[in-house]
Protein backbone atom coordinates (compact mmCIF):
# COMPACT_ATOMS: atom_id res chain seq x y z
CA MET A 1 153.15 171.42 72.19
CA LEU A 2 156.20 170.76 70.02
CA LEU A 3 156.26 167.74 67.79
CA GLY A 4 159.27 165.67 66.79
CA GLY A 5 161.46 164.77 69.74
CA ALA A 6 158.95 165.97 72.30
CA LEU A 7 156.25 163.71 70.92
CA LEU A 8 158.57 160.75 70.56
CA ALA A 9 159.67 161.27 74.14
CA THR A 10 156.13 160.84 75.36
CA THR A 11 156.20 157.85 77.68
CA ALA A 12 154.42 154.74 76.56
CA CYS A 13 151.59 154.49 79.04
CA THR A 14 151.12 151.20 80.78
CA ALA A 15 148.58 152.32 83.27
CA ALA A 16 143.54 154.56 80.61
CA GLY A 17 124.54 161.67 70.69
CA GLN A 18 126.06 158.52 69.01
CA GLY A 19 125.94 155.12 70.53
CA PRO A 20 128.92 153.13 71.81
CA GLN A 21 130.75 150.78 69.49
CA GLU A 22 131.11 147.04 69.97
CA ALA A 23 134.57 146.25 71.37
CA PRO A 24 136.63 143.80 69.30
CA ALA A 25 137.68 140.55 70.90
CA SER A 26 140.88 140.54 72.90
CA GLY A 27 143.96 140.15 70.72
CA SER A 28 142.24 141.33 67.49
CA ALA A 29 144.24 144.60 67.27
CA SER A 30 147.40 144.78 65.19
CA SER A 31 150.80 144.89 66.80
CA GLY A 32 153.05 147.94 66.91
CA GLU A 33 152.54 151.47 68.21
CA LEU A 34 149.28 153.37 68.58
CA ASN A 35 149.44 157.16 68.84
CA VAL A 36 146.49 158.62 70.71
CA PHE A 37 146.11 162.42 70.71
CA ALA A 38 143.79 163.41 73.56
CA ALA A 39 142.55 166.52 75.35
CA ALA A 40 144.52 167.32 78.51
CA SER A 41 141.44 166.85 80.69
CA LEU A 42 141.36 163.16 79.68
CA ASN A 43 144.83 162.43 81.06
CA GLY A 44 143.83 160.37 84.09
CA VAL A 45 141.05 158.28 82.61
CA LEU A 46 142.80 157.49 79.32
CA THR A 47 145.99 156.58 81.15
CA ASP A 48 143.98 154.05 83.16
CA LEU A 49 142.15 152.71 80.12
CA THR A 50 145.43 152.40 78.24
CA ALA A 51 146.69 150.00 80.89
CA ASP A 52 143.65 147.80 80.31
CA PHE A 53 144.06 148.06 76.55
CA GLU A 54 147.71 147.00 76.64
CA ASP A 55 146.83 144.10 78.94
CA ASP A 56 144.32 142.89 76.34
CA HIS A 57 146.61 143.68 73.39
CA PRO A 58 150.16 142.95 74.59
CA ASP A 59 151.64 143.46 71.12
CA VAL A 60 150.42 147.08 70.98
CA THR A 61 152.21 149.96 72.69
CA VAL A 62 150.02 153.02 73.21
CA ARG A 63 151.65 156.44 73.19
CA LEU A 64 149.46 159.18 74.65
CA ASN A 65 149.93 162.78 73.59
CA PHE A 66 147.95 165.11 75.88
CA ALA A 67 147.50 168.81 75.12
CA GLY A 68 144.84 171.42 74.45
CA SER A 69 142.45 170.18 71.76
CA SER A 70 143.22 173.12 69.46
CA ASP A 71 146.94 172.35 69.63
CA LEU A 72 146.28 168.68 68.90
CA ALA A 73 144.10 169.50 65.89
CA THR A 74 146.87 171.75 64.56
CA GLN A 75 149.42 168.96 65.03
CA ILE A 76 147.22 166.48 63.17
CA LEU A 77 146.57 168.90 60.31
CA SER A 78 150.33 169.47 60.12
CA GLY A 79 150.95 165.78 59.55
CA ALA A 80 151.64 164.43 63.04
CA PRO A 81 151.39 160.60 63.13
CA ALA A 82 148.12 160.29 65.05
CA ASP A 83 145.93 157.19 65.00
CA VAL A 84 143.15 158.37 67.35
CA PHE A 85 141.96 161.87 68.24
CA ALA A 86 139.86 162.54 71.36
CA SER A 87 138.81 166.19 71.56
CA ALA A 88 137.24 168.13 74.42
CA ASN A 89 134.78 169.76 72.04
CA PRO A 90 133.24 169.15 68.60
CA GLU A 91 134.68 172.35 67.12
CA ASN A 92 138.27 171.12 67.22
CA MET A 93 137.21 167.69 66.01
CA ASP A 94 135.50 169.44 63.08
CA LYS A 95 138.86 170.93 62.05
CA VAL A 96 140.05 167.38 61.47
CA THR A 97 136.88 165.86 60.01
CA ALA A 98 136.25 168.71 57.54
CA PRO A 99 139.27 167.87 55.35
CA GLY A 100 138.41 164.17 55.61
CA MET A 101 141.17 163.23 58.02
CA ALA A 102 138.84 161.27 60.34
CA ALA A 103 137.58 157.80 59.44
CA GLY A 104 133.80 157.81 59.70
CA GLU A 105 131.72 159.89 62.06
CA PRO A 106 133.26 160.83 65.45
CA VAL A 107 131.53 159.33 68.49
CA THR A 108 130.59 161.55 71.42
CA PHE A 109 131.65 159.60 74.50
CA ALA A 110 131.56 162.02 77.48
CA THR A 111 130.52 165.45 78.70
CA ASN A 112 132.10 167.92 81.13
CA VAL A 113 131.33 171.28 82.72
CA LEU A 114 133.39 174.01 84.32
CA GLN A 115 134.02 174.59 88.00
CA ILE A 116 135.87 177.34 89.84
CA VAL A 117 139.07 176.07 91.43
CA VAL A 118 140.62 177.85 94.42
CA PRO A 119 143.35 177.04 96.96
CA GLU A 120 142.31 175.04 99.99
CA GLY A 121 140.44 177.23 102.45
CA ASN A 122 139.18 179.53 99.68
CA PRO A 123 141.09 182.57 101.02
CA TYR A 124 139.15 185.08 98.89
CA GLY A 125 135.75 183.65 99.87
CA ILE A 126 134.73 183.07 96.27
CA ALA A 127 131.16 181.84 96.05
CA SER A 128 130.05 182.64 92.50
CA LEU A 129 131.34 183.37 89.02
CA ALA A 130 130.66 187.06 89.58
CA ASP A 131 133.34 187.08 92.28
CA LEU A 132 135.96 186.47 89.58
CA ALA A 133 135.22 189.93 88.15
CA ASP A 134 137.04 191.42 91.15
CA GLN A 135 140.35 192.92 90.03
CA GLN A 136 141.88 191.92 93.37
CA VAL A 137 141.43 188.23 92.57
CA LYS A 138 144.22 186.85 90.37
CA THR A 139 142.27 184.55 88.06
CA VAL A 140 143.68 182.33 85.30
CA ILE A 141 141.58 180.95 82.47
CA CYS A 142 142.07 178.99 79.27
CA ALA A 143 142.74 180.78 75.99
CA PRO A 144 139.61 181.22 73.80
CA GLN A 145 140.71 178.69 71.17
CA VAL A 146 140.94 175.93 73.79
CA PRO A 147 137.65 174.16 74.69
CA CYS A 148 137.81 175.24 78.34
CA GLY A 149 138.42 178.81 77.12
CA ALA A 150 135.44 178.73 74.78
CA ALA A 151 133.35 177.42 77.67
CA THR A 152 134.67 180.20 79.90
CA GLN A 153 133.51 182.78 77.38
CA LYS A 154 130.04 181.23 77.31
CA VAL A 155 129.58 181.17 81.07
CA SER A 156 130.95 184.71 81.40
CA GLN A 157 128.42 185.94 78.86
CA GLU A 158 125.67 184.05 80.68
CA ALA A 159 126.66 185.74 83.94
CA GLY A 160 127.07 189.14 82.26
CA ILE A 161 130.59 189.63 83.56
CA LYS A 162 134.11 190.06 82.26
CA ILE A 163 136.87 188.17 84.05
CA PRO A 164 140.08 190.25 84.25
CA ALA A 165 142.33 187.21 83.87
CA VAL A 166 146.01 187.58 84.69
CA SER A 167 146.84 184.92 82.09
CA GLU A 168 145.24 182.73 79.44
CA GLU A 169 146.63 179.19 79.26
CA SER A 170 146.87 176.71 76.40
CA SER A 171 145.36 173.82 78.39
CA VAL A 172 143.14 173.27 81.39
CA THR A 173 145.95 171.49 83.25
CA ASP A 174 148.05 174.66 83.01
CA VAL A 175 145.25 176.64 84.66
CA LEU A 176 145.00 174.09 87.44
CA GLY A 177 148.76 174.08 87.90
CA LYS A 178 148.91 177.83 88.44
CA VAL A 179 146.26 177.66 91.17
CA MET A 180 147.98 174.70 92.82
CA SER A 181 151.35 176.47 92.77
CA GLY A 182 149.97 179.66 94.31
CA GLU A 183 150.54 181.75 91.18
CA ALA A 184 146.80 182.38 90.94
CA ASP A 185 143.95 182.88 93.42
CA ALA A 186 141.35 181.17 91.25
CA GLY A 187 140.83 179.51 87.90
CA LEU A 188 138.18 177.95 85.70
CA VAL A 189 138.73 174.24 85.00
CA TYR A 190 136.54 171.18 84.52
CA VAL A 191 134.82 169.46 87.42
CA THR A 192 136.83 166.34 86.54
CA ASP A 193 140.11 168.21 87.06
CA VAL A 194 139.18 169.26 90.59
CA LYS A 195 137.77 165.83 91.43
CA ASN A 196 140.91 163.97 90.46
CA VAL A 197 143.72 166.37 91.30
CA GLN A 198 146.26 165.39 93.92
CA GLY A 199 146.68 168.76 95.62
CA ASP A 200 145.32 171.26 98.07
CA VAL A 201 142.52 172.86 96.05
CA GLU A 202 138.75 173.16 96.28
CA GLY A 203 136.06 173.25 93.62
CA ILE A 204 133.17 175.69 93.64
CA ASP A 205 130.05 175.05 91.56
CA PHE A 206 128.38 178.03 89.94
CA ALA A 207 124.94 178.55 88.45
CA GLU A 208 126.04 179.41 84.92
CA ALA A 209 128.08 176.23 84.35
CA GLY A 210 125.19 174.55 82.56
CA ALA A 211 125.41 177.13 79.78
CA ALA A 212 128.59 175.49 78.49
CA VAL A 213 128.45 171.70 78.56
CA ASN A 214 131.39 170.30 76.59
CA ASP A 215 130.84 167.24 74.43
CA TYR A 216 133.88 165.01 73.91
CA PRO A 217 134.12 163.27 70.50
CA ILE A 218 136.63 160.57 69.53
CA ALA A 219 137.58 159.24 66.11
CA ARG A 220 140.09 157.06 64.32
CA LEU A 221 142.21 159.00 61.87
CA ALA A 222 141.86 158.01 58.21
CA GLU A 223 145.62 157.81 57.69
CA SER A 224 146.23 155.72 60.80
CA ALA A 225 149.21 153.41 60.45
CA ASN A 226 147.50 150.96 62.80
CA PRO A 227 143.77 151.08 61.99
CA ASP A 228 142.80 147.84 63.73
CA ALA A 229 144.34 148.94 67.02
CA ALA A 230 142.84 152.40 66.61
CA GLU A 231 139.35 150.95 66.13
CA ALA A 232 139.84 148.70 69.14
CA PHE A 233 140.93 151.66 71.30
CA VAL A 234 137.94 153.77 70.24
CA ALA A 235 135.66 150.83 70.99
CA LEU A 236 137.15 150.50 74.47
CA VAL A 237 136.66 154.18 75.27
CA THR A 238 133.09 154.27 73.96
CA GLY A 239 132.08 150.87 75.32
CA PRO A 240 130.92 149.75 78.78
CA GLU A 241 134.39 149.67 80.35
CA GLY A 242 135.17 153.13 79.05
CA ARG A 243 131.84 154.56 80.23
CA LYS A 244 132.42 153.19 83.72
CA ALA A 245 135.93 154.62 83.90
CA LEU A 246 134.74 158.01 82.65
CA ALA A 247 131.95 158.08 85.25
CA ASP A 248 134.46 157.23 87.98
CA TYR A 249 136.51 160.26 86.91
CA GLY A 250 133.44 162.52 87.06
CA PHE A 251 132.60 162.82 83.37
CA GLY A 252 128.98 163.02 82.34
CA THR A 253 127.10 160.81 79.89
CA PRO A 254 126.32 162.14 76.38
């Protein structure tokens, strides 16, 4: 995802291991903007939680930047003005914490697993991961550097198959979009994506999914321009309200 104008154009959202943090009292966060960089699979739940956060902190405007976690880590390392980073796996969070750009230890706040997504009616009769090895099935997957792509590699190895993907996408939402638009016959996305999508698709569980459970860590960035608001946002996501919202969206508990 491009920075600069594209990031500034991101709409201000007014809609959302280690133990949860205690949420600060309402109104304790600083005023101003809060830039939250979050994995694409968190779009729905963090948009909802952002609405609650802005209700409790009316002087703070949250700007959400959703993309693949690897792209977000690259943006942060390149100097993008991020206050909070929520990754879909620890590996991309480690890219940020290793050079000391995260404040304190990241908190794991959710888990997720893959599911096969197909158009409504499942026209190819896909019933297992092995069915995606068929050259006749146009399958899209995430690129290996993206958390959903790394998970795809793990489950493929567990199943002992190679998926002849017609494309590798930079985020899980791009995979879902290609299946929804009819450009692909199947894809591998998270169970939360299928659960919450507004479209004519179906999700298919498969036995090997448990081989690649993704842990989602979140952290305040050390150079945050609004540290109080960043801490308050992290506390919301990792606290009781955040856990409930995540469960409603289909995320698992760490």
